[in-house]
């Protein structure tokens, strides 16, 4: 398996294709997103990684600075921007009620039992949070947690997202029509 990783080492989707750079998700970078589990640019703890690499597949604790007035909903996207594909792999996509007191606890993005005020959507891999499990030998992978404060909620019924629970992330993300009031990002790194 490390041989495959080395062979693909020059192939990475890149940050340019992350949700952060979609035209409809542009907005002022006013939110500071942090975690008690890792620092920006630092390694993700094994607990947050996938079970097949020895982790517990638990989403990390996240906290953010106060939201701007008029925030109706938060959109969280977690993407592996170093996956050897044409686009980043979405490891989690969730809608969050702004009343969550500015934080999510460990495991809050679970597909089976999300925290109150959290609606997990479909990701590239499945539903809910899926921890890192990059190809062995491919090098470090950056997992970008991107939080967007929206002026209006994302709802079922948009022409391209009739059912948000079933829609693919690459359909949902470009279909967000609400203005972004603020946004923030945090990057964790993992390598096998």
N, C-alpha and C. Protein backbone atom coordinates (compact mmCIF):
# COMPACT_ATOMS: atom_id res chain seq x y z
N UNK A 1 0.81 -1.21 0.00
CA UNK A 1 0.00 0.00 0.00
C UNK A 1 0.85 1.27 0.00
N UNK A 2 2.01 1.33 0.74
CA UNK A 2 2.81 2.55 0.67
C UNK A 2 3.28 2.86 -0.74
N UNK A 3 3.46 1.80 -1.59
CA UNK A 3 3.89 2.02 -2.95
C UNK A 3 2.84 2.83 -3.71
N UNK A 4 1.57 2.50 -3.55
CA UNK A 4 0.50 3.24 -4.22
C UNK A 4 0.52 4.70 -3.78
N UNK A 5 0.67 4.94 -2.48
CA UNK A 5 0.74 6.30 -1.97
C UNK A 5 1.88 7.08 -2.59
N UNK A 6 3.03 6.44 -2.71
CA UNK A 6 4.19 7.12 -3.31
C UNK A 6 3.94 7.40 -4.79
N UNK A 7 3.32 6.46 -5.48
CA UNK A 7 3.03 6.65 -6.90
C UNK A 7 2.06 7.82 -7.13
N UNK A 8 1.15 8.01 -6.17
CA UNK A 8 0.15 9.09 -6.29
C UNK A 8 0.56 10.37 -5.56
N UNK A 9 1.78 10.41 -5.05
CA UNK A 9 2.20 11.52 -4.18
C UNK A 9 2.10 12.90 -4.84
N UNK A 10 2.20 12.97 -6.15
CA UNK A 10 2.10 14.27 -6.83
C UNK A 10 0.68 14.62 -7.23
N UNK A 11 -0.25 13.73 -6.96
CA UNK A 11 -1.65 13.99 -7.32
C UNK A 11 -2.43 14.36 -6.06
N UNK A 12 -2.91 15.60 -6.02
CA UNK A 12 -3.70 16.11 -4.89
C UNK A 12 -4.75 17.07 -5.43
N UNK A 13 -5.93 17.03 -4.84
CA UNK A 13 -7.02 17.88 -5.35
C UNK A 13 -6.72 19.36 -5.17
N UNK A 14 -6.18 19.76 -4.02
CA UNK A 14 -5.77 21.14 -3.80
C UNK A 14 -6.84 22.02 -3.16
N UNK A 15 -6.36 23.06 -2.52
CA UNK A 15 -7.22 24.00 -1.79
C UNK A 15 -8.12 24.82 -2.72
N UNK A 16 -7.71 25.03 -3.95
CA UNK A 16 -8.48 25.87 -4.88
C UNK A 16 -9.89 25.33 -5.12
N UNK A 17 -10.10 24.03 -4.90
CA UNK A 17 -11.42 23.43 -5.15
C UNK A 17 -12.23 23.25 -3.87
N UNK A 18 -11.73 23.73 -2.75
CA UNK A 18 -12.45 23.61 -1.48
C UNK A 18 -13.69 24.51 -1.48
N UNK A 19 -14.63 24.19 -0.60
CA UNK A 19 -15.85 25.00 -0.45
C UNK A 19 -15.50 26.46 -0.21
N UNK A 20 -14.41 26.70 0.49
CA UNK A 20 -13.96 28.05 0.83
C UNK A 20 -13.87 28.96 -0.39
N UNK A 21 -13.56 28.39 -1.53
CA UNK A 21 -13.34 29.18 -2.75
C UNK A 21 -14.55 29.23 -3.68
N UNK A 22 -15.66 28.61 -3.30
CA UNK A 22 -16.86 28.69 -4.15
C UNK A 22 -17.38 30.13 -4.13
N UNK A 23 -17.77 30.66 -5.28
CA UNK A 23 -18.24 32.06 -5.35
C UNK A 23 -19.40 32.36 -4.40
N UNK A 24 -20.33 31.42 -4.24
CA UNK A 24 -21.50 31.67 -3.39
C UNK A 24 -21.18 31.59 -1.89
N UNK A 25 -20.00 31.10 -1.52
CA UNK A 25 -19.64 31.00 -0.11
C UNK A 25 -18.59 32.03 0.29
N UNK A 26 -18.45 33.06 -0.51
CA UNK A 26 -17.52 34.14 -0.18
C UNK A 26 -18.16 35.05 0.86
N UNK A 27 -17.35 35.61 1.72
CA UNK A 27 -17.83 36.51 2.75
C UNK A 27 -16.66 36.95 3.59
N UNK A 28 -16.90 37.86 4.51
CA UNK A 28 -15.79 38.33 5.35
C UNK A 28 -15.30 37.22 6.30
N UNK A 29 -13.98 37.17 6.47
CA UNK A 29 -13.36 36.16 7.35
C UNK A 29 -13.37 36.68 8.78
N UNK A 30 -14.54 36.68 9.40
CA UNK A 30 -14.69 37.27 10.72
C UNK A 30 -14.74 36.26 11.86
N UNK A 31 -14.89 34.99 11.52
CA UNK A 31 -14.99 33.97 12.56
C UNK A 31 -13.62 33.35 12.82
N UNK A 32 -13.32 33.14 14.08
CA UNK A 32 -12.14 32.38 14.43
C UNK A 32 -12.62 31.01 14.90
N UNK A 33 -12.21 29.99 14.18
CA UNK A 33 -12.60 28.62 14.47
C UNK A 33 -11.42 27.95 15.16
N UNK A 34 -11.68 27.34 16.33
CA UNK A 34 -10.61 26.69 17.10
C UNK A 34 -11.06 25.33 17.58
N UNK A 35 -10.09 24.56 18.08
CA UNK A 35 -10.38 23.26 18.68
C UNK A 35 -9.46 23.05 19.87
N UNK A 36 -9.99 22.43 20.91
CA UNK A 36 -9.17 22.05 22.06
C UNK A 36 -8.36 20.79 21.74
N UNK A 37 -8.67 20.14 20.62
CA UNK A 37 -8.02 18.88 20.26
C UNK A 37 -6.79 19.04 19.37
N UNK A 38 -6.70 20.13 18.61
CA UNK A 38 -5.55 20.36 17.74
C UNK A 38 -5.45 21.85 17.43
N UNK A 39 -4.26 22.28 17.04
CA UNK A 39 -4.04 23.68 16.67
C UNK A 39 -4.11 23.82 15.15
N UNK A 40 -4.33 25.01 14.67
CA UNK A 40 -4.39 25.25 13.23
C UNK A 40 -3.07 24.84 12.58
N UNK A 41 -3.14 23.92 11.64
CA UNK A 41 -1.95 23.42 10.97
C UNK A 41 -1.27 22.28 11.71
N UNK A 42 -1.79 21.93 12.89
CA UNK A 42 -1.20 20.87 13.70
C UNK A 42 -1.81 19.51 13.39
N UNK A 43 -1.23 18.46 13.96
CA UNK A 43 -1.73 17.11 13.71
C UNK A 43 -3.06 16.84 14.38
N UNK A 44 -3.92 16.10 13.69
CA UNK A 44 -5.18 15.63 14.27
C UNK A 44 -4.88 14.45 15.18
N UNK A 45 -5.47 14.41 16.38
CA UNK A 45 -5.26 13.27 17.26
C UNK A 45 -5.86 12.00 16.66
N UNK A 46 -5.30 10.86 17.03
CA UNK A 46 -5.77 9.58 16.51
C UNK A 46 -7.25 9.36 16.79
N UNK A 47 -7.75 9.86 17.92
CA UNK A 47 -9.17 9.70 18.27
C UNK A 47 -10.09 10.26 17.17
N UNK A 48 -9.66 11.30 16.47
CA UNK A 48 -10.46 11.91 15.42
C UNK A 48 -10.32 11.21 14.07
N UNK A 49 -9.43 10.23 13.98
CA UNK A 49 -9.18 9.51 12.73
C UNK A 49 -10.13 8.33 12.58
N UNK A 50 -10.15 7.77 11.39
CA UNK A 50 -11.04 6.64 11.08
C UNK A 50 -10.66 5.39 11.88
N UNK A 51 -11.64 4.55 12.07
CA UNK A 51 -11.43 3.31 12.84
C UNK A 51 -10.42 2.38 12.17
N UNK A 52 -10.40 2.36 10.83
CA UNK A 52 -9.49 1.44 10.15
C UNK A 52 -8.01 1.84 10.27
N UNK A 53 -7.73 3.02 10.84
CA UNK A 53 -6.33 3.40 11.10
C UNK A 53 -6.07 3.43 12.61
N UNK A 54 -7.03 2.92 13.40
CA UNK A 54 -6.85 2.85 14.84
C UNK A 54 -7.53 3.96 15.62
N UNK A 55 -8.27 4.82 14.93
CA UNK A 55 -8.95 5.93 15.59
C UNK A 55 -10.33 5.55 16.08
N UNK A 56 -11.05 6.53 16.58
CA UNK A 56 -12.41 6.32 17.09
C UNK A 56 -13.46 6.96 16.20
N UNK A 57 -13.03 7.65 15.13
CA UNK A 57 -13.96 8.30 14.19
C UNK A 57 -14.86 9.31 14.90
N UNK A 58 -14.31 10.01 15.88
CA UNK A 58 -15.08 11.02 16.61
C UNK A 58 -14.73 12.41 16.11
N UNK A 59 -15.73 13.21 15.82
CA UNK A 59 -15.47 14.58 15.40
C UNK A 59 -14.84 15.35 16.56
N UNK A 60 -13.92 16.26 16.26
CA UNK A 60 -13.24 17.00 17.33
C UNK A 60 -14.13 18.07 17.94
N UNK A 61 -13.71 18.54 19.12
CA UNK A 61 -14.38 19.69 19.72
C UNK A 61 -14.06 20.91 18.85
N UNK A 62 -15.08 21.71 18.60
CA UNK A 62 -14.91 22.94 17.82
C UNK A 62 -15.55 24.10 18.58
N UNK A 63 -14.96 25.27 18.45
CA UNK A 63 -15.53 26.48 19.05
C UNK A 63 -15.28 27.63 18.08
N UNK A 64 -16.16 28.63 18.14
CA UNK A 64 -16.01 29.78 17.25
C UNK A 64 -16.36 31.06 17.99
N UNK A 65 -15.84 32.14 17.46
CA UNK A 65 -16.08 33.46 18.03
C UNK A 65 -17.53 33.86 17.80
N UNK A 66 -18.03 34.91 18.50
CA UNK A 66 -19.44 35.29 18.35
C UNK A 66 -19.84 35.52 16.90
N UNK A 67 -21.07 35.10 16.62
CA UNK A 67 -21.61 35.20 15.26
C UNK A 67 -22.15 36.59 15.00
N UNK A 68 -22.12 37.04 13.74
CA UNK A 68 -22.70 38.34 13.43
C UNK A 68 -24.22 38.34 13.62
N UNK A 69 -24.77 39.49 13.92
CA UNK A 69 -26.23 39.63 14.01
C UNK A 69 -26.85 39.19 12.69
N UNK A 70 -27.98 38.52 12.78
CA UNK A 70 -28.68 38.08 11.58
C UNK A 70 -28.28 36.69 11.12
N UNK A 71 -27.40 36.00 11.85
CA UNK A 71 -27.02 34.64 11.46
C UNK A 71 -28.20 33.71 11.70
N UNK A 72 -28.67 33.07 10.63
CA UNK A 72 -29.82 32.17 10.72
C UNK A 72 -29.40 30.71 10.84
N UNK A 73 -28.22 30.39 10.30
CA UNK A 73 -27.77 29.00 10.31
C UNK A 73 -26.28 28.97 10.02
N UNK A 74 -25.62 27.92 10.50
CA UNK A 74 -24.21 27.70 10.21
C UNK A 74 -24.09 26.49 9.29
N UNK A 75 -23.16 26.58 8.37
CA UNK A 75 -22.84 25.47 7.48
C UNK A 75 -21.40 25.08 7.77
N UNK A 76 -21.17 23.81 8.08
CA UNK A 76 -19.83 23.30 8.34
C UNK A 76 -19.47 22.28 7.27
N UNK A 77 -18.32 22.48 6.66
CA UNK A 77 -17.80 21.53 5.68
C UNK A 77 -16.39 21.14 6.10
N UNK A 78 -16.13 19.83 6.14
CA UNK A 78 -14.79 19.33 6.46
C UNK A 78 -14.29 18.60 5.21
N UNK A 79 -13.18 19.08 4.65
CA UNK A 79 -12.68 18.52 3.40
C UNK A 79 -11.22 18.12 3.49
N UNK A 80 -10.89 16.99 2.87
CA UNK A 80 -9.50 16.56 2.67
C UNK A 80 -9.07 17.17 1.34
N UNK A 81 -8.21 18.18 1.41
CA UNK A 81 -7.82 18.88 0.17
C UNK A 81 -6.58 18.24 -0.48
N UNK A 82 -6.08 17.16 0.10
CA UNK A 82 -4.91 16.48 -0.47
C UNK A 82 -5.22 15.09 -1.01
N UNK A 83 -6.49 14.74 -1.08
CA UNK A 83 -6.89 13.45 -1.61
C UNK A 83 -6.49 13.39 -3.10
N UNK A 84 -6.05 12.22 -3.60
CA UNK A 84 -5.64 12.13 -5.01
C UNK A 84 -6.84 11.99 -5.95
N UNK A 85 -7.69 13.00 -5.96
CA UNK A 85 -8.87 13.05 -6.83
C UNK A 85 -8.93 14.45 -7.42
N UNK A 86 -9.85 14.67 -8.33
CA UNK A 86 -9.95 15.99 -8.96
C UNK A 86 -10.55 17.04 -8.02
N UNK A 87 -11.32 16.62 -7.04
CA UNK A 87 -11.93 17.53 -6.07
C UNK A 87 -11.67 17.03 -4.66
N UNK A 88 -11.65 17.93 -3.66
CA UNK A 88 -11.47 17.48 -2.27
C UNK A 88 -12.58 16.50 -1.86
N UNK A 89 -12.23 15.59 -0.97
CA UNK A 89 -13.22 14.65 -0.41
C UNK A 89 -13.87 15.33 0.78
N UNK A 90 -15.20 15.38 0.79
CA UNK A 90 -15.95 15.97 1.89
C UNK A 90 -16.10 14.90 2.98
N UNK A 91 -15.49 15.13 4.14
CA UNK A 91 -15.54 14.18 5.25
C UNK A 91 -16.71 14.45 6.18
N UNK A 92 -17.31 15.64 6.07
CA UNK A 92 -18.50 15.95 6.86
C UNK A 92 -19.15 17.20 6.28
N UNK A 93 -20.45 17.20 6.25
CA UNK A 93 -21.23 18.38 5.86
C UNK A 93 -22.39 18.46 6.85
N UNK A 94 -22.54 19.60 7.51
CA UNK A 94 -23.57 19.71 8.54
C UNK A 94 -24.14 21.11 8.59
N UNK A 95 -25.40 21.18 8.97
CA UNK A 95 -26.08 22.44 9.24
C UNK A 95 -26.23 22.55 10.75
N UNK A 96 -25.90 23.72 11.29
CA UNK A 96 -25.87 23.90 12.74
C UNK A 96 -26.72 25.10 13.14
N UNK A 97 -27.54 24.91 14.15
CA UNK A 97 -28.35 25.99 14.70
C UNK A 97 -27.41 26.97 15.42
N UNK A 98 -27.53 28.27 15.15
CA UNK A 98 -26.65 29.24 15.81
C UNK A 98 -26.80 29.27 17.33
N UNK A 99 -27.84 28.68 17.86
CA UNK A 99 -28.07 28.67 19.30
C UNK A 99 -27.22 27.61 20.03
N UNK A 100 -26.27 26.99 19.35
CA UNK A 100 -25.45 25.94 19.97
C UNK A 100 -24.39 26.51 20.91
N UNK A 101 -24.45 27.77 21.24
CA UNK A 101 -23.56 28.41 22.21
C UNK A 101 -22.11 28.50 21.75
N UNK A 102 -21.90 28.51 20.44
CA UNK A 102 -20.56 28.75 19.92
C UNK A 102 -19.60 27.59 20.03
N UNK A 103 -20.15 26.36 20.18
CA UNK A 103 -19.25 25.23 20.30
C UNK A 103 -19.94 23.91 19.98
N UNK A 104 -19.13 22.94 19.60
CA UNK A 104 -19.58 21.56 19.44
C UNK A 104 -18.64 20.68 20.25
N UNK A 105 -19.19 19.70 20.95
CA UNK A 105 -18.38 18.78 21.74
C UNK A 105 -17.90 17.61 20.89
N UNK A 106 -17.00 16.82 21.43
CA UNK A 106 -16.50 15.62 20.76
C UNK A 106 -17.66 14.73 20.34
N UNK A 107 -17.65 14.29 19.09
CA UNK A 107 -18.68 13.39 18.59
C UNK A 107 -19.98 14.06 18.19
N UNK A 108 -20.06 15.38 18.24
CA UNK A 108 -21.31 16.10 17.94
C UNK A 108 -21.77 15.92 16.50
N UNK A 109 -20.88 15.50 15.61
CA UNK A 109 -21.22 15.36 14.19
C UNK A 109 -21.49 13.90 13.80
N UNK A 110 -21.82 13.08 14.78
CA UNK A 110 -22.11 11.67 14.55
C UNK A 110 -23.38 11.51 13.70
N UNK A 111 -23.34 10.59 12.76
CA UNK A 111 -24.53 10.33 11.93
C UNK A 111 -25.64 9.69 12.75
N UNK A 112 -25.28 8.83 13.70
CA UNK A 112 -26.29 8.10 14.49
C UNK A 112 -26.92 8.96 15.57
N UNK A 113 -26.12 9.81 16.18
CA UNK A 113 -26.63 10.62 17.28
C UNK A 113 -25.97 12.00 17.28
N UNK A 114 -26.37 12.86 16.31
CA UNK A 114 -25.78 14.20 16.30
C UNK A 114 -26.22 15.00 17.52
N UNK A 115 -25.43 15.99 17.86
CA UNK A 115 -25.76 16.86 18.99
C UNK A 115 -27.04 17.64 18.69
N UNK A 116 -27.76 18.08 19.71
CA UNK A 116 -28.94 18.92 19.48
C UNK A 116 -28.55 20.15 18.66
N UNK A 117 -29.38 20.47 17.68
CA UNK A 117 -29.12 21.62 16.83
C UNK A 117 -28.22 21.34 15.65
N UNK A 118 -27.81 20.07 15.47
CA UNK A 118 -26.93 19.69 14.36
C UNK A 118 -27.69 18.76 13.42
N UNK A 119 -27.68 19.09 12.15
CA UNK A 119 -28.27 18.23 11.12
C UNK A 119 -27.14 17.80 10.19
N UNK A 120 -26.75 16.53 10.29
CA UNK A 120 -25.68 16.04 9.43
C UNK A 120 -26.24 15.67 8.07
N UNK A 121 -25.50 16.02 7.05
CA UNK A 121 -25.90 15.73 5.68
C UNK A 121 -24.97 14.67 5.11
N UNK A 122 -25.19 14.33 3.89
CA UNK A 122 -24.36 13.34 3.20
C UNK A 122 -22.98 13.93 2.91
N UNK A 123 -21.96 13.11 3.04
CA UNK A 123 -20.60 13.52 2.67
C UNK A 123 -20.15 12.67 1.49
N UNK A 124 -18.90 12.81 1.09
CA UNK A 124 -18.38 11.97 0.01
C UNK A 124 -18.40 10.51 0.43
N UNK A 125 -18.21 10.25 1.72
CA UNK A 125 -18.03 8.90 2.24
C UNK A 125 -19.33 8.30 2.77
N UNK A 126 -20.20 9.10 3.29
CA UNK A 126 -21.45 8.62 3.89
C UNK A 126 -22.13 9.78 4.59
N UNK A 127 -22.72 9.54 5.74
CA UNK A 127 -23.39 10.60 6.50
C UNK A 127 -22.65 10.81 7.80
N UNK A 128 -22.56 12.05 8.24
CA UNK A 128 -21.88 12.35 9.49
C UNK A 128 -20.39 12.52 9.30
N UNK A 129 -19.68 12.63 10.42
CA UNK A 129 -18.23 12.84 10.40
C UNK A 129 -17.49 11.53 10.09
N UNK A 130 -16.51 11.62 9.19
CA UNK A 130 -15.65 10.49 8.86
C UNK A 130 -14.21 10.97 9.00
N UNK A 131 -13.51 10.36 9.93
CA UNK A 131 -12.15 10.78 10.22
C UNK A 131 -11.16 10.42 9.14
N UNK A 132 -9.96 11.01 9.21
CA UNK A 132 -8.92 10.77 8.23
C UNK A 132 -8.49 9.31 8.15
N UNK A 133 -8.22 8.86 6.93
CA UNK A 133 -7.65 7.54 6.65
C UNK A 133 -6.99 7.61 5.28
N UNK A 134 -6.02 8.52 5.09
CA UNK A 134 -5.41 8.66 3.76
C UNK A 134 -4.60 7.42 3.37
N UNK A 135 -4.30 7.33 2.10
CA UNK A 135 -3.49 6.23 1.58
C UNK A 135 -2.11 6.27 2.24
N UNK A 136 -1.62 5.12 2.67
CA UNK A 136 -0.28 5.04 3.26
C UNK A 136 0.75 5.51 2.25
N UNK A 137 1.69 6.32 2.73
CA UNK A 137 2.78 6.76 1.88
C UNK A 137 2.45 7.94 0.97
N UNK A 138 1.21 8.44 1.02
CA UNK A 138 0.82 9.56 0.14
C UNK A 138 1.32 10.90 0.66
N UNK A 139 1.74 10.93 1.90
CA UNK A 139 2.21 12.18 2.50
C UNK A 139 1.14 12.78 3.39
N UNK A 140 1.43 13.95 3.98
CA UNK A 140 0.47 14.58 4.88
C UNK A 140 -0.79 15.04 4.13
N UNK A 141 -1.93 14.83 4.77
CA UNK A 141 -3.21 15.31 4.22
C UNK A 141 -3.73 16.41 5.13
N UNK A 142 -4.21 17.49 4.52
CA UNK A 142 -4.80 18.60 5.28
C UNK A 142 -6.32 18.44 5.27
N UNK A 143 -6.90 18.50 6.48
CA UNK A 143 -8.34 18.40 6.66
C UNK A 143 -8.82 19.78 7.10
N UNK A 144 -9.58 20.44 6.20
CA UNK A 144 -9.98 21.82 6.42
C UNK A 144 -11.41 21.88 6.93
N UNK A 145 -11.56 22.39 8.15
CA UNK A 145 -12.86 22.62 8.78
C UNK A 145 -13.26 24.04 8.41
N UNK A 146 -14.36 24.19 7.65
CA UNK A 146 -14.79 25.50 7.17
C UNK A 146 -16.19 25.79 7.71
N UNK A 147 -16.34 26.91 8.39
CA UNK A 147 -17.61 27.27 9.01
C UNK A 147 -18.13 28.55 8.38
N UNK A 148 -19.37 28.53 7.91
CA UNK A 148 -19.99 29.66 7.24
C UNK A 148 -21.24 30.10 8.02
N UNK A 149 -21.31 31.38 8.38
CA UNK A 149 -22.50 31.94 9.03
C UNK A 149 -23.41 32.47 7.93
N UNK A 150 -24.60 31.88 7.81
CA UNK A 150 -25.52 32.21 6.72
C UNK A 150 -26.65 33.12 7.20
N UNK A 151 -27.08 34.03 6.33
CA UNK A 151 -28.16 34.96 6.66
C UNK A 151 -29.53 34.30 6.58
N UNK A 152 -29.63 33.18 5.88
CA UNK A 152 -30.90 32.45 5.78
C UNK A 152 -30.57 30.95 5.81
N UNK A 153 -31.48 30.14 6.32
CA UNK A 153 -31.20 28.70 6.39
C UNK A 153 -31.20 28.04 5.02
N UNK A 154 -30.39 27.00 4.91
CA UNK A 154 -30.42 26.14 3.73
C UNK A 154 -31.59 25.21 3.94
N UNK A 155 -32.47 25.13 2.98
CA UNK A 155 -33.69 24.34 3.17
C UNK A 155 -33.88 23.32 2.06
N UNK A 156 -34.68 22.31 2.35
CA UNK A 156 -35.09 21.37 1.32
C UNK A 156 -35.93 22.13 0.30
N UNK A 157 -35.94 21.65 -0.93
CA UNK A 157 -36.84 22.22 -1.92
C UNK A 157 -36.17 23.08 -2.96
N UNK A 158 -34.89 23.43 -2.79
CA UNK A 158 -34.21 24.17 -3.86
C UNK A 158 -34.15 23.26 -5.08
N UNK A 159 -34.13 23.83 -6.28
CA UNK A 159 -34.17 22.99 -7.49
C UNK A 159 -33.13 21.88 -7.53
N UNK A 160 -31.92 22.13 -7.02
CA UNK A 160 -30.88 21.11 -7.08
C UNK A 160 -30.76 20.31 -5.79
N UNK A 161 -31.48 20.72 -4.76
CA UNK A 161 -31.38 20.00 -3.47
C UNK A 161 -32.77 19.74 -2.90
N UNK A 162 -33.60 19.06 -3.66
CA UNK A 162 -34.97 18.80 -3.21
C UNK A 162 -35.00 18.11 -1.84
N UNK A 163 -34.06 17.21 -1.60
CA UNK A 163 -33.97 16.53 -0.32
C UNK A 163 -32.53 16.63 0.16
N UNK A 164 -32.27 17.53 1.08
CA UNK A 164 -30.91 17.77 1.55
C UNK A 164 -30.27 16.53 2.14
N UNK A 165 -31.06 15.66 2.75
CA UNK A 165 -30.49 14.48 3.39
C UNK A 165 -29.89 13.52 2.37
N UNK A 166 -30.38 13.54 1.16
CA UNK A 166 -29.90 12.61 0.13
C UNK A 166 -28.96 13.27 -0.86
N UNK A 167 -28.93 14.60 -0.90
CA UNK A 167 -28.14 15.31 -1.90
C UNK A 167 -26.64 15.15 -1.65
N UNK A 168 -25.89 15.06 -2.70
CA UNK A 168 -24.43 14.96 -2.62
C UNK A 168 -23.85 16.31 -2.24
N UNK A 169 -22.72 16.33 -1.53
CA UNK A 169 -22.13 17.61 -1.11
C UNK A 169 -21.80 18.54 -2.28
N UNK A 170 -21.38 17.97 -3.40
CA UNK A 170 -21.03 18.81 -4.56
C UNK A 170 -22.27 19.39 -5.24
N UNK A 171 -23.46 18.95 -4.80
CA UNK A 171 -24.71 19.57 -5.24
C UNK A 171 -25.14 20.61 -4.23
N UNK A 172 -25.01 20.29 -2.95
CA UNK A 172 -25.46 21.19 -1.88
C UNK A 172 -24.61 22.46 -1.81
N UNK A 173 -23.29 22.31 -1.76
CA UNK A 173 -22.41 23.46 -1.55
C UNK A 173 -22.60 24.58 -2.57
N UNK A 174 -22.61 24.30 -3.88
CA UNK A 174 -22.82 25.39 -4.84
C UNK A 174 -24.24 25.94 -4.86
N UNK A 175 -25.20 25.19 -4.26
CA UNK A 175 -26.60 25.62 -4.28
C UNK A 175 -26.96 26.53 -3.11
N UNK A 176 -26.04 26.74 -2.17
CA UNK A 176 -26.32 27.62 -1.03
C UNK A 176 -26.53 29.04 -1.58
N UNK A 177 -27.74 29.56 -1.39
CA UNK A 177 -28.08 30.86 -1.96
C UNK A 177 -28.03 31.99 -0.95
N UNK A 178 -27.96 31.66 0.31
CA UNK A 178 -27.96 32.67 1.37
C UNK A 178 -26.64 33.43 1.40
N UNK A 179 -26.70 34.74 1.66
CA UNK A 179 -25.45 35.49 1.82
C UNK A 179 -24.65 34.96 3.01
N UNK A 180 -23.33 34.92 2.86
CA UNK A 180 -22.42 34.52 3.93
C UNK A 180 -22.05 35.77 4.72
N UNK A 181 -22.44 35.81 5.99
CA UNK A 181 -22.17 36.97 6.85
C UNK A 181 -20.76 36.95 7.42
N UNK A 182 -20.23 35.75 7.63
CA UNK A 182 -18.88 35.59 8.17
C UNK A 182 -18.47 34.15 7.93
N UNK A 183 -17.16 33.92 7.98
CA UNK A 183 -16.67 32.56 7.81
C UNK A 183 -15.31 32.43 8.49
N UNK A 184 -14.97 31.18 8.80
CA UNK A 184 -13.68 30.89 9.42
C UNK A 184 -13.25 29.48 9.08
N UNK A 185 -11.96 29.22 9.23
CA UNK A 185 -11.46 27.88 8.90
C UNK A 185 -10.34 27.47 9.83
N UNK A 186 -10.18 26.17 9.95
CA UNK A 186 -9.20 25.55 10.82
C UNK A 186 -8.70 24.30 10.11
N UNK A 187 -7.40 24.10 10.09
CA UNK A 187 -6.82 22.96 9.37
C UNK A 187 -6.09 22.03 10.32
N UNK A 188 -6.42 20.73 10.20
CA UNK A 188 -5.71 19.69 10.92
C UNK A 188 -5.00 18.80 9.92
N UNK A 189 -3.90 18.20 10.31
CA UNK A 189 -3.09 17.40 9.39
C UNK A 189 -2.98 15.97 9.92
N UNK A 190 -3.02 15.01 8.99
CA UNK A 190 -2.82 13.61 9.36
C UNK A 190 -2.06 12.91 8.24
N UNK A 191 -1.14 12.03 8.62
CA UNK A 191 -0.35 11.28 7.64
C UNK A 191 -0.20 9.85 8.11
N UNK A 192 -0.25 8.91 7.17
CA UNK A 192 0.00 7.48 7.46
C UNK A 192 1.31 7.06 6.83
